Amino acid sequence: MNDRKKQEQLTRRNFLKMGIGALGAVALLEITGVSLLYMQPRSVEGAFGGIVEAGRVASFPLSSVTEFVNGRFYLIRAEEDGFLAVYHRCTHLGCTVNWQANENRFFCPCHASEFDIHGDVQNPPAPRALDTFAVAIEDGIVYVDTSGPQKRGEFAAEQLVYA
């Protein structure tokens, strides 16, 4: 009877084993939950990887460049009255290009690549023009689909979308 009582008694060693086991199980559950959330696709409406409503056609003046930070693109309204959405990543090494309005160009601060208002390379090392996103105009509103950049060699007038 005495041996049985000792077996049923909770020792400090058994208590620590149970506590460490419980903490390990909780940590494993948390890691599993975070991993599952990380692997979920993120296609939020109006954000990168989805459809972005840019605004009304009339709100973009001719020869203007408007940055959409969350969409990761610049919307260009060319002097020909067409729209073009260019990805803000340099085609050289993927750095973020900046629009310099005073010089009417896109500039990559990493390796000094320069692009004109249509995204064409003006100063290498960038190998080709900036990638574009599909643009659609419905009922006077400009929409940009950022789900997949379209690679291009250089600007062509057919790439512009008209209202």
Protein backbone atom coordinates (compact mmCIF):
# COMPACT_ATOMS: atom_id res chain seq x y z
CA MET A 1 0.00 0.00 0.00
CA ASN A 2 2.83 2.34 0.79
CA ASP A 3 4.41 1.79 -2.67
CA ARG A 4 1.13 2.57 -4.33
CA LYS A 5 0.77 5.81 -2.40
CA LYS A 6 4.25 6.89 -3.54
CA GLN A 7 3.36 6.21 -7.17
CA GLU A 8 0.21 8.32 -7.00
CA GLN A 9 2.03 11.17 -5.29
CA LEU A 10 3.02 14.03 -7.60
CA THR A 11 6.74 14.61 -7.41
CA ARG A 12 8.52 17.74 -8.41
CA ARG A 13 10.16 15.90 -11.32
CA ASN A 14 6.79 14.68 -12.64
CA PHE A 15 5.28 18.14 -12.25
CA LEU A 16 8.12 19.72 -14.26
CA LYS A 17 7.80 17.04 -16.97
CA MET A 18 4.09 17.73 -17.32
CA GLY A 19 4.62 21.50 -17.35
CA ILE A 20 7.32 21.33 -20.02
CA GLY A 21 5.18 18.96 -22.09
CA ALA A 22 2.19 21.33 -21.87
CA LEU A 23 4.31 24.37 -22.82
CA GLY A 24 5.80 22.42 -25.74
CA ALA A 25 2.31 21.51 -26.98
CA VAL A 26 1.16 25.15 -26.78
CA ALA A 27 4.28 26.32 -28.66
CA LEU A 28 3.70 23.69 -31.36
CA LEU A 29 0.08 24.84 -31.79
CA GLU A 30 1.17 28.48 -32.08
CA ILE A 31 3.84 27.67 -34.68
CA THR A 32 1.35 25.61 -36.67
CA GLY A 33 -1.23 28.42 -36.58
CA VAL A 34 1.24 31.09 -37.66
CA SER A 35 2.54 28.85 -40.47
CA LEU A 36 -0.97 28.29 -41.79
CA LEU A 37 -1.74 32.03 -41.71
CA TYR A 38 1.53 32.77 -43.51
CA MET A 39 0.67 30.38 -46.33
CA GLN A 40 -2.80 31.90 -46.92
CA PRO A 41 -3.08 33.87 -50.18
CA ARG A 42 -3.42 37.61 -49.67
CA SER A 43 -5.52 39.14 -52.42
CA VAL A 44 -7.06 42.16 -50.79
CA GLU A 45 -9.23 44.35 -52.99
CA GLY A 46 -7.44 47.62 -53.65
CA ALA A 47 -4.02 46.34 -52.61
CA PHE A 48 -1.09 44.74 -54.37
CA GLY A 49 -2.09 41.52 -56.05
CA GLY A 50 -5.68 42.57 -56.75
CA ILE A 51 -7.81 45.09 -58.58
CA VAL A 52 -7.08 48.69 -57.61
CA GLU A 53 -9.64 51.40 -58.30
CA ALA A 54 -7.36 54.29 -59.25
CA GLY A 55 -10.00 56.98 -59.71
CA ARG A 56 -11.98 58.89 -62.30
CA VAL A 57 -10.38 59.54 -65.69
CA ALA A 58 -10.91 63.29 -65.30
CA SER A 59 -8.86 63.38 -62.08
CA PHE A 60 -5.63 62.59 -63.96
CA PRO A 61 -4.25 65.49 -66.03
CA LEU A 62 -2.43 64.84 -69.30
CA SER A 63 1.29 64.02 -68.92
CA SER A 64 0.84 63.17 -65.24
CA VAL A 65 2.34 60.40 -63.11
CA THR A 66 0.50 59.34 -59.95
CA GLU A 67 2.03 56.98 -57.41
CA PHE A 68 -0.08 54.28 -55.75
CA VAL A 69 2.04 53.13 -52.82
CA ASN A 70 -0.17 50.23 -51.68
CA GLY A 71 -0.63 49.03 -55.27
CA ARG A 72 3.12 49.36 -55.94
CA PHE A 73 2.69 51.10 -59.27
CA TYR A 74 2.65 54.46 -60.99
CA LEU A 75 -0.34 55.40 -63.15
CA ILE A 76 0.71 57.45 -66.15
CA ARG A 77 -1.67 59.51 -68.21
CA ALA A 78 0.34 60.14 -71.34
CA GLU A 79 0.11 63.29 -73.41
CA GLU A 80 -1.54 61.07 -76.06
CA ASP A 81 -4.46 60.80 -73.55
CA GLY A 82 -3.90 57.09 -72.83
CA PHE A 83 -3.23 55.36 -69.50
CA LEU A 84 -0.33 53.09 -68.58
CA ALA A 85 0.39 51.49 -65.19
CA VAL A 86 4.06 50.68 -64.55
CA TYR A 87 5.40 48.50 -61.74
CA HIS A 88 7.62 50.44 -59.38
CA ARG A 89 10.38 47.79 -59.43
CA CYS A 90 13.51 48.32 -61.51
CA THR A 91 14.09 45.58 -64.09
CA HIS A 92 17.77 45.40 -63.15
CA LEU A 93 17.72 44.13 -59.56
CA GLY A 94 14.24 44.97 -58.31
CA CYS A 95 14.92 48.18 -56.40
CA THR A 96 12.03 50.64 -56.06
CA VAL A 97 12.17 53.39 -58.66
CA ASN A 98 11.19 56.96 -57.81
CA TRP A 99 9.37 59.44 -60.02
CA GLN A 100 11.30 62.70 -60.32
CA ALA A 101 8.77 65.17 -61.67
CA ASN A 102 11.26 68.02 -62.05
CA GLU A 103 13.35 65.86 -64.42
CA ASN A 104 10.38 64.01 -65.96
CA ARG A 105 11.91 60.58 -65.32
CA PHE A 106 11.89 57.50 -63.14
CA PHE A 107 15.15 56.97 -61.27
CA CYS A 108 16.50 53.84 -59.59
CA PRO A 109 18.65 54.82 -56.61
CA CYS A 110 20.47 51.46 -56.45
CA HIS A 111 22.44 51.59 -59.71
CA ALA A 112 21.32 54.87 -61.33
CA SER A 113 19.08 53.39 -64.03
CA GLU A 114 16.80 56.00 -65.57
CA PHE A 115 13.48 55.55 -67.35
CA ASP A 116 11.36 58.04 -69.32
CA ILE A 117 7.70 58.82 -68.57
CA HIS A 118 6.58 55.64 -70.41
CA GLY A 119 9.07 53.45 -68.47
CA ASP A 120 11.59 53.03 -71.32
CA VAL A 121 15.25 52.68 -70.31
CA GLN A 122 17.21 55.90 -70.83
CA ASN A 123 20.28 54.99 -68.80
CA PRO A 124 21.33 51.35 -68.15
CA PRO A 125 22.16 48.97 -66.38
CA ALA A 126 18.41 48.13 -66.48
CA PRO A 127 18.03 45.67 -69.38
CA ARG A 128 14.48 46.61 -70.44
CA ALA A 129 11.52 48.88 -69.80
CA LEU A 130 9.58 48.84 -66.54
CA ASP A 131 6.96 46.10 -66.29
CA THR A 132 3.32 47.10 -66.67
CA PHE A 133 -0.02 46.10 -65.17
CA ALA A 134 -3.29 45.68 -67.03
CA VAL A 135 -5.44 48.82 -67.09
CA ALA A 136 -9.20 48.88 -67.68
CA ILE A 137 -11.55 51.84 -67.87
CA GLU A 138 -15.21 51.28 -67.04
CA ASP A 139 -17.82 54.02 -66.65
CA GLY A 140 -15.12 56.69 -66.48
CA ILE A 141 -13.18 54.96 -63.68
CA VAL A 142 -9.63 53.62 -64.09
CA TYR A 143 -8.91 50.14 -62.70
CA VAL A 144 -5.47 48.52 -62.47
CA ASP A 145 -4.99 44.75 -62.06
CA THR A 146 -1.80 44.24 -60.02
CA SER A 147 -2.10 40.44 -59.89
CA GLY A 148 0.63 39.92 -62.48
CA PRO A 149 3.22 42.28 -63.98
CA GLN A 150 3.61 42.09 -67.77
CA LYS A 151 7.20 42.10 -69.04
CA ARG A 152 8.01 44.22 -72.06
CA GLY A 153 11.09 45.19 -74.02
CA GLU A 154 10.16 48.80 -74.68
CA PHE A 155 7.20 51.13 -74.84
CA ALA A 156 4.76 50.80 -77.74
CA ALA A 157 1.72 53.01 -78.36
CA GLU A 158 -0.53 49.91 -78.25
CA GLN A 159 0.22 49.58 -74.53
CA LEU A 160 -1.80 52.71 -73.74
CA VAL A 161 -5.43 52.26 -72.69
CA TYR A 162 -7.88 54.96 -73.74
CA ALA A 163 -11.12 56.07 -72.10
